[in-house]
PDB file of N, CA and C in Angstrom:
ATOM      1  N   MET A   1      -1.715  12.086 -22.059  1.00  0.00           N
ATOM      2  CA  MET A   1      -0.716  11.224 -22.178  1.00  0.00           C
ATOM      3  C   MET A   1      -0.879   9.626 -20.625  1.00  0.00           C
ATOM      4  N   ALA A   2      -0.716   8.377 -21.389  1.00  0.00           N
ATOM      5  CA  ALA A   2      -1.613   7.509 -20.180  1.00  0.00           C
ATOM      6  C   ALA A   2      -0.220   6.883 -19.720  1.00  0.00           C
ATOM      7  N   VAL A   3      -0.778   6.448 -18.613  1.00  0.00           N
ATOM      8  CA  VAL A   3       0.693   5.870 -17.462  1.00  0.00           C
ATOM      9  C   VAL A   3       0.291   4.674 -16.876  1.00  0.00           C
ATOM     10  N   LYS A   4       0.429   3.971 -16.634  1.00  0.00           N
ATOM     11  CA  LYS A   4       0.382   2.626 -15.808  1.00  0.00           C
ATOM     12  C   LYS A   4       1.070   2.797 -14.716  1.00  0.00           C
ATOM     13  N   VAL A   5      -0.165   2.721 -13.217  1.00  0.00           N
ATOM     14  CA  VAL A   5       0.267   2.630 -11.912  1.00  0.00           C
ATOM     15  C   VAL A   5       0.012   1.386 -11.375  1.00  0.00           C
ATOM     16  N   ILE A   6       1.402   0.558 -10.826  1.00  0.00           N
ATOM     17  CA  ILE A   6       1.686  -0.187 -10.040  1.00  0.00           C
ATOM     18  C   ILE A   6       0.880  -0.360  -8.115  1.00  0.00           C
ATOM     19  N   ILE A   7      -0.257  -0.912  -8.138  1.00  0.00           N
ATOM     20  CA  ILE A   7      -0.753  -0.700  -7.112  1.00  0.00           C
ATOM     21  C   ILE A   7       0.263  -1.715  -6.272  1.00  0.00           C
ATOM     22  N   PRO A   8       0.686  -1.821  -4.786  1.00  0.00           N
ATOM     23  CA  PRO A   8       1.370  -2.813  -4.121  1.00  0.00           C
ATOM     24  C   PRO A   8       0.331  -3.329  -3.694  1.00  0.00           C
ATOM     25  N   THR A   9       0.523  -4.773  -3.135  1.00  0.00           N
ATOM     26  CA  THR A   9      -0.310  -5.245  -2.686  1.00  0.00           C
ATOM     27  C   THR A   9      -0.603  -5.211  -1.282  1.00  0.00           C
ATOM     28  N   PRO A  10       0.282  -4.335  -0.458  1.00  0.00           N
ATOM     29  CA  PRO A  10      -0.564  -3.442   0.587  1.00  0.00           C
ATOM     30  C   PRO A  10      -1.081  -2.300   0.719  1.00  0.00           C
ATOM     31  N   LEU A  11      -1.399  -2.091  -0.423  1.00  0.00           N
ATOM     32  CA  LEU A  11      -2.298  -0.684  -0.585  1.00  0.00           C
ATOM     33  C   LEU A  11      -3.431  -1.008  -1.243  1.00  0.00           C
ATOM     34  N   ARG A  12      -3.719  -2.463  -1.720  1.00  0.00           N
ATOM     35  CA  ARG A  12      -4.891  -2.547  -2.789  1.00  0.00           C
ATOM     36  C   ARG A  12      -6.458  -2.645  -2.271  1.00  0.00           C
ATOM     37  N   PRO A  13      -6.106  -3.318  -0.953  1.00  0.00           N
ATOM     38  CA  PRO A  13      -7.824  -2.946   0.008  1.00  0.00           C
ATOM     39  C   PRO A  13      -8.015  -1.219  -0.395  1.00  0.00           C
ATOM     40  N   TYR A  14      -7.345  -0.758  -0.639  1.00  0.00           N
ATOM     41  CA  TYR A  14      -8.168   1.038  -0.601  1.00  0.00           C
ATOM     42  C   TYR A  14      -8.347   1.075  -2.299  1.00  0.00           C
ATOM     43  N   THR A  15      -8.051   0.294  -3.317  1.00  0.00           N
ATOM     44  CA  THR A  15      -8.152   0.986  -4.881  1.00  0.00           C
ATOM     45  C   THR A  15      -8.730  -0.208  -5.422  1.00  0.00           C
ATOM     46  N   SER A  16      -9.732  -0.860  -4.302  1.00  0.00           N
ATOM     47  CA  SER A  16     -10.646  -1.789  -5.185  1.00  0.00           C
ATOM     48  C   SER A  16     -10.052  -2.860  -5.281  1.00  0.00           C
ATOM     49  N   LYS A  17      -9.148  -3.685  -4.619  1.00  0.00           N
ATOM     50  CA  LYS A  17      -7.710  -4.149  -5.421  1.00  0.00           C
ATOM     51  C   LYS A  17      -7.259  -5.006  -6.708  1.00  0.00           C
ATOM     52  N   LYS A  18      -7.836  -3.493  -6.770  1.00  0.00           N
ATOM     53  CA  LYS A  18      -6.813  -3.014  -8.113  1.00  0.00           C
ATOM     54  C   LYS A  18      -4.866  -3.194  -8.200  1.00  0.00           C
ATOM     55  N   GLU A  19      -4.623  -4.395  -9.080  1.00  0.00           N
ATOM     56  CA  GLU A  19      -3.393  -4.232  -9.322  1.00  0.00           C
ATOM     57  C   GLU A  19      -2.792  -3.098  -9.579  1.00  0.00           C
ATOM     58  N   SER A  20      -3.280  -2.101 -10.760  1.00  0.00           N
ATOM     59  CA  SER A  20      -2.644  -1.300 -11.711  1.00  0.00           C
ATOM     60  C   SER A  20      -3.805  -0.594 -12.383  1.00  0.00           C
ATOM     61  N   VAL A  21      -3.933   0.997 -12.407  1.00  0.00           N
ATOM     62  CA  VAL A  21      -4.587   1.361 -12.641  1.00  0.00           C
ATOM     63  C   VAL A  21      -3.920   2.404 -14.018  1.00  0.00           C
ATOM     64  N   GLU A  22      -4.428   2.845 -14.949  1.00  0.00           N
ATOM     65  CA  GLU A  22      -3.942   3.720 -16.053  1.00  0.00           C
ATOM     66  C   GLU A  22      -4.596   4.693 -15.648  1.00  0.00           C
ATOM     67  N   LEU A  23      -3.515   5.869 -16.084  1.00  0.00           N
ATOM     68  CA  LEU A  23      -4.138   7.279 -15.450  1.00  0.00           C
ATOM     69  C   LEU A  23      -3.867   8.051 -16.612  1.00  0.00           C
ATOM     70  N   GLN A  24      -4.724   9.379 -17.172  1.00  0.00           N
ATOM     71  CA  GLN A  24      -3.986  10.359 -18.053  1.00  0.00           C
ATOM     72  C   GLN A  24      -3.165  11.350 -17.226  1.00  0.00           C
ATOM     73  N   ALA A  25      -1.921  11.714 -16.960  1.00  0.00           N
ATOM     74  CA  ALA A  25      -0.753  12.024 -16.544  1.00  0.00           C
ATOM     75  C   ALA A  25       0.588  12.693 -16.750  1.00  0.00           C
ATOM     76  N   ALA A  26       0.488  14.216 -16.617  1.00  0.00           N
ATOM     77  CA  ALA A  26       1.764  14.517 -17.345  1.00  0.00           C
ATOM     78  C   ALA A  26       3.754  15.064 -16.302  1.00  0.00           C
ATOM     79  N   THR A  27       2.617  14.319 -15.333  1.00  0.00           N
ATOM     80  CA  THR A  27       3.814  14.412 -14.153  1.00  0.00           C
ATOM     81  C   THR A  27       3.276  13.477 -13.046  1.00  0.00           C
ATOM     82  N   VAL A  28       4.663  13.148 -11.948  1.00  0.00           N
ATOM     83  CA  VAL A  28       4.503  12.137 -11.260  1.00  0.00           C
ATOM     84  C   VAL A  28       3.027  12.696 -10.284  1.00  0.00           C
ATOM     85  N   SER A  29       3.048  13.802  -9.916  1.00  0.00           N
ATOM     86  CA  SER A  29       2.204  14.892  -8.992  1.00  0.00           C
ATOM     87  C   SER A  29       0.996  14.614  -9.964  1.00  0.00           C
ATOM     88  N   GLU A  30       0.402  15.320 -10.988  1.00  0.00           N
ATOM     89  CA  GLU A  30      -0.621  14.517 -11.140  1.00  0.00           C
ATOM     90  C   GLU A  30      -1.095  13.765 -11.756  1.00  0.00           C
ATOM     91  N   ALA A  31      -0.142  12.211 -11.654  1.00  0.00           N
ATOM     92  CA  ALA A  31      -0.979  11.210 -11.566  1.00  0.00           C
ATOM     93  C   ALA A  31      -1.226  10.280  -9.827  1.00  0.00           C
ATOM     94  N   LEU A  32      -0.551  11.031  -9.113  1.00  0.00           N
ATOM     95  CA  LEU A  32      -0.820  10.691  -7.813  1.00  0.00           C
ATOM     96  C   LEU A  32      -1.909  11.577  -6.871  1.00  0.00           C
ATOM     97  N   ALA A  33      -2.115  12.404  -8.136  1.00  0.00           N
ATOM     98  CA  ALA A  33      -3.188  12.726  -7.399  1.00  0.00           C
ATOM     99  C   ALA A  33      -4.755  12.698  -8.244  1.00  0.00           C
ATOM    100  N   SER A  34      -4.612  12.416  -9.210  1.00  0.00           N
ATOM    101  CA  SER A  34      -5.670  11.094  -9.930  1.00  0.00           C
ATOM    102  C   SER A  34      -5.971   9.921  -9.368  1.00  0.00           C
ATOM    103  N   LEU A  35      -5.120   9.405  -8.672  1.00  0.00           N
ATOM    104  CA  LEU A  35      -4.799   8.192  -7.999  1.00  0.00           C
ATOM    105  C   LEU A  35      -5.806   8.484  -6.946  1.00  0.00           C
ATOM    106  N   THR A  36      -5.451   9.273  -5.959  1.00  0.00           N
ATOM    107  CA  THR A  36      -6.115   9.499  -4.918  1.00  0.00           C
ATOM    108  C   THR A  36      -7.673  10.502  -4.787  1.00  0.00           C
ATOM    109  N   THR A  37      -7.543  10.776  -6.147  1.00  0.00           N
ATOM    110  CA  THR A  37      -8.771  11.156  -6.699  1.00  0.00           C
ATOM    111  C   THR A  37     -10.052  10.194  -6.806  1.00  0.00           C
ATOM    112  N   LEU A  38      -9.237   9.266  -7.435  1.00  0.00           N
ATOM    113  CA  LEU A  38      -9.837   8.021  -7.750  1.00  0.00           C
ATOM    114  C   LEU A  38     -10.515   7.129  -6.320  1.00  0.00           C
ATOM    115  N   PHE A  39      -8.681   7.316  -5.683  1.00  0.00           N
ATOM    116  CA  PHE A  39      -8.922   6.154  -4.424  1.00  0.00           C
ATOM    117  C   PHE A  39      -9.584   7.317  -3.690  1.00  0.00           C
ATOM    118  N   GLY A  40     -10.363   7.755  -2.786  1.00  0.00           N
ATOM    119  CA  GLY A  40      -9.971   8.862  -1.527  1.00  0.00           C
ATOM    120  C   GLY A  40      -9.456   7.987  -0.222  1.00  0.00           C
ATOM    121  N   GLU A  41      -9.579   6.713  -0.265  1.00  0.00           N
ATOM    122  CA  GLU A  41      -8.939   6.252   1.192  1.00  0.00           C
ATOM    123  C   GLU A  41      -7.378   5.917   1.170  1.00  0.00           C
ATOM    124  N   LEU A  42      -7.000   6.110  -0.219  1.00  0.00           N
ATOM    125  CA  LEU A  42      -5.215   5.819  -0.470  1.00  0.00           C
ATOM    126  C   LEU A  42      -4.474   6.757  -0.122  1.00  0.00           C
ATOM    127  N   LYS A  43      -5.472   7.907  -0.085  1.00  0.00           N
ATOM    128  CA  LYS A  43      -4.408   9.807   0.007  1.00  0.00           C
ATOM    129  C   LYS A  43      -3.874   9.479   1.646  1.00  0.00           C
ATOM    130  N   LYS A  44      -4.636   9.308   2.932  1.00  0.00           N
ATOM    131  CA  LYS A  44      -4.205   9.068   3.807  1.00  0.00           C
ATOM    132  C   LYS A  44      -2.553   8.052   4.063  1.00  0.00           C
ATOM    133  N   HIS A  45      -2.580   7.332   3.218  1.00  0.00           N
ATOM    134  CA  HIS A  45      -1.787   6.071   3.079  1.00  0.00           C
ATOM    135  C   HIS A  45      -0.404   6.767   2.522  1.00  0.00           C
ATOM    136  N   LEU A  46      -0.603   7.795   1.671  1.00  0.00           N
ATOM    137  CA  LEU A  46       0.830   8.169   0.549  1.00  0.00           C
ATOM    138  C   LEU A  46       0.936   9.786   0.881  1.00  0.00           C
ATOM    139  N   TYR A  47      -0.072  10.419   1.777  1.00  0.00           N
ATOM    140  CA  TYR A  47       0.290  11.638   1.614  1.00  0.00           C
ATOM    141  C   TYR A  47       0.377  11.814   3.032  1.00  0.00           C
ATOM    142  N   SER A  48       0.796  12.561   3.702  1.00  0.00           N
ATOM    143  CA  SER A  48       0.870  13.163   5.531  1.00  0.00           C
ATOM    144  C   SER A  48      -0.113  14.215   5.427  1.00  0.00           C
ATOM    145  N   ASP A  49       0.277  15.221   6.340  1.00  0.00           N
ATOM    146  CA  ASP A  49      -1.130  15.738   6.607  1.00  0.00           C
ATOM    147  C   ASP A  49      -1.026  17.370   6.501  1.00  0.00           C
ATOM    148  N   ASP A  50       0.446  17.141   6.039  1.00  0.00           N
ATOM    149  CA  ASP A  50       0.640  18.765   5.325  1.00  0.00           C
ATOM    150  C   ASP A  50       0.742  18.223   4.135  1.00  0.00           C
ATOM    151  N   GLY A  51       0.561  17.103   3.292  1.00  0.00           N
ATOM    152  CA  GLY A  51      -0.201  17.167   1.408  1.00  0.00           C
ATOM    153  C   GLY A  51       1.301  16.680   1.344  1.00  0.00           C
ATOM    154  N   LYS A  52       2.167  16.486   2.063  1.00  0.00           N
ATOM    155  CA  LYS A  52       3.748  16.155   1.347  1.00  0.00           C
ATOM    156  C   LYS A  52       3.151  14.689   1.177  1.00  0.00           C
ATOM    157  N   LEU A  53       3.922  13.689  -0.095  1.00  0.00           N
ATOM    158  CA  LEU A  53       4.051  12.299  -0.262  1.00  0.00           C
ATOM    159  C   LEU A  53       4.932  11.931   1.244  1.00  0.00           C
ATOM    160  N   ARG A  54       4.542  10.644   1.737  1.00  0.00           N
ATOM    161  CA  ARG A  54       5.025   9.661   3.340  1.00  0.00           C
ATOM    162  C   ARG A  54       6.428   9.307   3.230  1.00  0.00           C
ATOM    163  N   SER A  55       7.541   9.495   4.172  1.00  0.00           N
ATOM    164  CA  SER A  55       8.856   9.454   3.742  1.00  0.00           C
ATOM    165  C   SER A  55       8.817   7.727   3.421  1.00  0.00           C
ATOM    166  N   PHE A  56       8.139   7.223   4.166  1.00  0.00           N
ATOM    167  CA  PHE A  56       8.463   5.781   3.676  1.00  0.00           C
ATOM    168  C   PHE A  56       7.546   5.191   2.180  1.00  0.00           C
ATOM    169  N   VAL A  57       7.404   6.215   1.425  1.00  0.00           N
ATOM    170  CA  VAL A  57       6.245   6.329   0.349  1.00  0.00           C
ATOM    171  C   VAL A  57       7.726   5.727  -0.960  1.00  0.00           C
ATOM    172  N   ASN A  58       7.736   4.963  -1.141  1.00  0.00           N
ATOM    173  CA  ASN A  58       9.157   5.261  -2.612  1.00  0.00           C
ATOM    174  C   ASN A  58       7.734   4.906  -3.882  1.00  0.00           C
ATOM    175  N   VAL A  59       8.746   6.375  -4.875  1.00  0.00           N
ATOM    176  CA  VAL A  59       7.728   6.240  -6.186  1.00  0.00           C
ATOM    177  C   VAL A  59       8.497   6.120  -7.227  1.00  0.00           C
ATOM    178  N   TYR A  60       8.821   5.059  -8.313  1.00  0.00           N
ATOM    179  CA  TYR A  60       9.555   4.675  -9.314  1.00  0.00           C
ATOM    180  C   TYR A  60       8.788   5.052 -10.508  1.00  0.00           C
ATOM    181  N   VAL A  61       9.506   5.419 -11.686  1.00  0.00           N
ATOM    182  CA  VAL A  61       9.540   5.456 -12.913  1.00  0.00           C
ATOM    183  C   VAL A  61       9.692   5.176 -13.801  1.00  0.00           C
ATOM    184  N   ASN A  62       9.318   3.775 -14.339  1.00  0.00           N
ATOM    185  CA  ASN A  62      10.004   2.761 -15.163  1.00  0.00           C
ATOM    186  C   ASN A  62      11.290   2.477 -14.073  1.00  0.00           C
ATOM    187  N   ASP A  63      11.438   1.922 -13.288  1.00  0.00           N
ATOM    188  CA  ASP A  63      12.265   1.932 -11.988  1.00  0.00           C
ATOM    189  C   ASP A  63      13.253   2.649 -11.695  1.00  0.00           C
ATOM    190  N   GLU A  64      13.237   3.419 -11.904  1.00  0.00           N
ATOM    191  CA  GLU A  64      14.214   4.385 -11.323  1.00  0.00           C
ATOM    192  C   GLU A  64      13.303   5.534 -10.225  1.00  0.00           C
ATOM    193  N   ASP A  65      14.223   5.957  -9.199  1.00  0.00           N
ATOM    194  CA  ASP A  65      13.222   6.950  -8.028  1.00  0.00           C
ATOM    195  C   ASP A  65      13.562   8.201  -8.229  1.00  0.00           C
ATOM    196  N   ILE A  66      12.230   8.475  -8.293  1.00  0.00           N
ATOM    197  CA  ILE A  66      11.920   9.772  -8.396  1.00  0.00           C
ATOM    198  C   ILE A  66      12.660  10.740  -7.479  1.00  0.00           C
ATOM    199  N   ARG A  67      13.227   9.714  -6.593  1.00  0.00           N
ATOM    200  CA  ARG A  67      14.102  11.291  -6.214  1.00  0.00           C
ATOM    201  C   ARG A  67      15.152  11.940  -6.276  1.00  0.00           C
ATOM    202  N   TYR A  68      15.997  10.744  -7.230  1.00  0.00           N
ATOM    203  CA  TYR A  68      17.072  11.256  -8.024  1.00  0.00           C
ATOM    204  C   TYR A  68      16.744  11.717  -9.104  1.00  0.00           C
ATOM    205  N   LEU A  69      15.579  11.834  -9.681  1.00  0.00           N
ATOM    206  CA  LEU A  69      15.146  12.473 -11.189  1.00  0.00           C
ATOM    207  C   LEU A  69      14.328  14.069 -10.163  1.00  0.00           C
ATOM    208  N   ARG A  70      13.235  14.477 -10.972  1.00  0.00           N
ATOM    209  CA  ARG A  70      12.977  15.916 -10.260  1.00  0.00           C
ATOM    210  C   ARG A  70      12.045  15.506  -9.382  1.00  0.00           C
ATOM    211  N   GLY A  71      11.914  14.529  -8.380  1.00  0.00           N
ATOM    212  CA  GLY A  71      10.830  14.674  -7.288  1.00  0.00           C
ATOM    213  C   GLY A  71       9.619  14.551  -7.814  1.00  0.00           C
ATOM    214  N   ASP A  72       8.012  14.489  -7.441  1.00  0.00           N
ATOM    215  CA  ASP A  72       6.860  14.306  -8.011  1.00  0.00           C
ATOM    216  C   ASP A  72       6.660  14.742  -9.220  1.00  0.00           C
ATOM    217  N   GLN A  73       7.773  16.294  -9.720  1.00  0.00           N
ATOM    218  CA  GLN A  73       7.532  16.931 -10.718  1.00  0.00           C
ATOM    219  C   GLN A  73       7.810  16.142 -12.073  1.00  0.00           C
ATOM    220  N   THR A  74       8.811  14.919 -11.470  1.00  0.00           N
ATOM    221  CA  THR A  74       9.403  14.444 -12.577  1.00  0.00           C
ATOM    222  C   THR A  74       8.082  14.390 -13.764  1.00  0.00           C
ATOM    223  N   PRO A  75       8.287  14.618 -15.380  1.00  0.00           N
ATOM    224  CA  PRO A  75       7.442  14.403 -16.327  1.00  0.00           C
ATOM    225  C   PRO A  75       7.261  12.768 -16.302  1.00  0.00           C
ATOM    226  N   LEU A  76       6.087  12.862 -17.231  1.00  0.00           N
ATOM    227  CA  LEU A  76       6.363  11.404 -17.478  1.00  0.00           C
ATOM    228  C   LEU A  76       5.723  11.627 -19.300  1.00  0.00           C
ATOM    229  N   ARG A  77       5.966  10.053 -19.932  1.00  0.00           N
ATOM    230  CA  ARG A  77       5.936  10.037 -21.234  1.00  0.00           C
ATOM    231  C   ARG A  77       4.825   8.936 -21.578  1.00  0.00           C
ATOM    232  N   GLU A  78       4.033   9.197 -22.363  1.00  0.00           N
ATOM    233  CA  GLU A  78       3.338   8.050 -22.712  1.00  0.00           C
ATOM    234  C   GLU A  78       3.934   6.667 -22.538  1.00  0.00           C
ATOM    235  N   GLY A  79       2.750   5.341 -22.159  1.00  0.00           N
ATOM    236  CA  GLY A  79       3.314   4.001 -21.822  1.00  0.00           C
ATOM    237  C   GLY A  79       4.650   4.198 -20.352  1.00  0.00           C
ATOM    238  N   ASP A  80       4.344   5.224 -19.649  1.00  0.00           N
ATOM    239  CA  ASP A  80       5.833   4.930 -18.847  1.00  0.00           C
ATOM    240  C   ASP A  80       4.802   3.734 -17.557  1.00  0.00           C
ATOM    241  N   ILE A  81       5.159   3.331 -16.632  1.00  0.00           N
ATOM    242  CA  ILE A  81       5.570   2.707 -15.687  1.00  0.00           C
ATOM    243  C   ILE A  81       5.876   3.487 -14.315  1.00  0.00           C
ATOM    244  N   LEU A  82       4.323   3.953 -13.678  1.00  0.00           N
ATOM    245  CA  LEU A  82       5.061   3.998 -11.923  1.00  0.00           C
ATOM    246  C   LEU A  82       4.454   3.244 -11.008  1.00  0.00           C
ATOM    247  N   SER A  83       5.270   2.888 -10.303  1.00  0.00           N
ATOM    248  CA  SER A  83       5.350   1.814  -9.448  1.00  0.00           C
ATOM    249  C   SER A  83       5.427   2.737  -7.593  1.00  0.00           C
ATOM    250  N   ILE A  84       4.575   2.180  -7.109  1.00  0.00           N
ATOM    251  CA  ILE A  84       4.247   3.154  -5.596  1.00  0.00           C
ATOM    252  C   ILE A  84       4.861   1.895  -4.623  1.00  0.00           C
ATOM    253  N   VAL A  85       6.458   2.239  -3.780  1.00  0.00           N
ATOM    254  CA  VAL A  85       6.642   1.117  -2.901  1.00  0.00           C
ATOM    255  C   VAL A  85       6.730   1.555  -1.765  1.00  0.00           C
ATOM    256  N   PRO A  86       5.848   1.289  -1.343  1.00  0.00           N
ATOM    257  CA  PRO A  86       5.869   1.373   0.920  1.00  0.00           C
ATOM    258  C   PRO A  86       7.369   1.053   0.884  1.00  0.00           C
ATOM    259  N   SER A  87       7.649   1.455   1.968  1.00  0.00           N
ATOM    260  CA  SER A  87       9.331   0.467   2.864  1.00  0.00           C
ATOM    261  C   SER A  87       8.389  -0.075   3.730  1.00  0.00           C
ATOM    262  N   ILE A  88       9.185  -1.256   3.836  1.00  0.00           N
ATOM    263  CA  ILE A  88       8.957  -2.185   5.065  1.00  0.00           C
ATOM    264  C   ILE A  88      10.101  -2.770   5.753  1.00  0.00           C
ATOM    265  N   ALA A  89       9.743  -2.359   7.349  1.00  0.00           N
ATOM    266  CA  ALA A  89      10.548  -2.725   8.327  1.00  0.00           C
ATOM    267  C   ALA A  89      10.657  -4.083   8.950  1.00  0.00           C
ATOM    268  N   GLY A  90      10.993  -4.649   8.601  1.00  0.00           N
ATOM    269  CA  GLY A  90      11.271  -5.739   9.643  1.00  0.00           C
ATOM    270  C   GLY A  90      12.722  -6.778   9.577  1.00  0.00           C
ATOM    271  N   GLY A  91      12.632  -7.444   9.837  1.00  0.00           N
ATOM    272  CA  GLY A  91      13.795  -9.018  10.492  1.00  0.00           C
ATOM    273  C   GLY A  91      13.421  -9.430  11.688  1.00  0.00           C
ATOM    274  N   THR A  92      14.270 -10.296  12.513  1.00  0.00           N
ATOM    275  CA  THR A  92      14.152 -10.399  13.270  1.00  0.00           C
ATOM    276  C   THR A  92      15.058 -10.250  14.388  1.00  0.00           C
ATOM    277  N   GLN A  93      14.437 -10.733  15.508  1.00  0.00           N
ATOM    278  CA  GLN A  93      14.645 -10.102  16.981  1.00  0.00           C
ATOM    279  C   GLN A  93      15.333 -11.434  17.470  1.00  0.00           C
ATOM    280  N   ASN A  94      16.249 -11.128  18.177  1.00  0.00           N
ATOM    281  CA  ASN A  94      17.126 -12.264  18.468  1.00  0.00           C
ATOM    282  C   ASN A  94      17.137 -12.412  20.244  1.00  0.00           C
TER     283      ASN A  94
END
């Protein structure tokens, strides 16, 4: 089934500047595996050396955080939108 993956601006240099990609996937894990197969440089920004999704990378299916669903085994349906949102630290120092 076709799902759309939204690529955040900080990761677009690793996806040939694409804002989104349509993939065939049944789970979040399959979608991310397909994405990192298409764009090999992206893998190190999403996964740690032990193959786990980095803690600062948040993934949403239709605006729902996969951590509150079934993690990377969350099933996908035709037309779902997968968003990758890297946490950004910031603020001001006084």
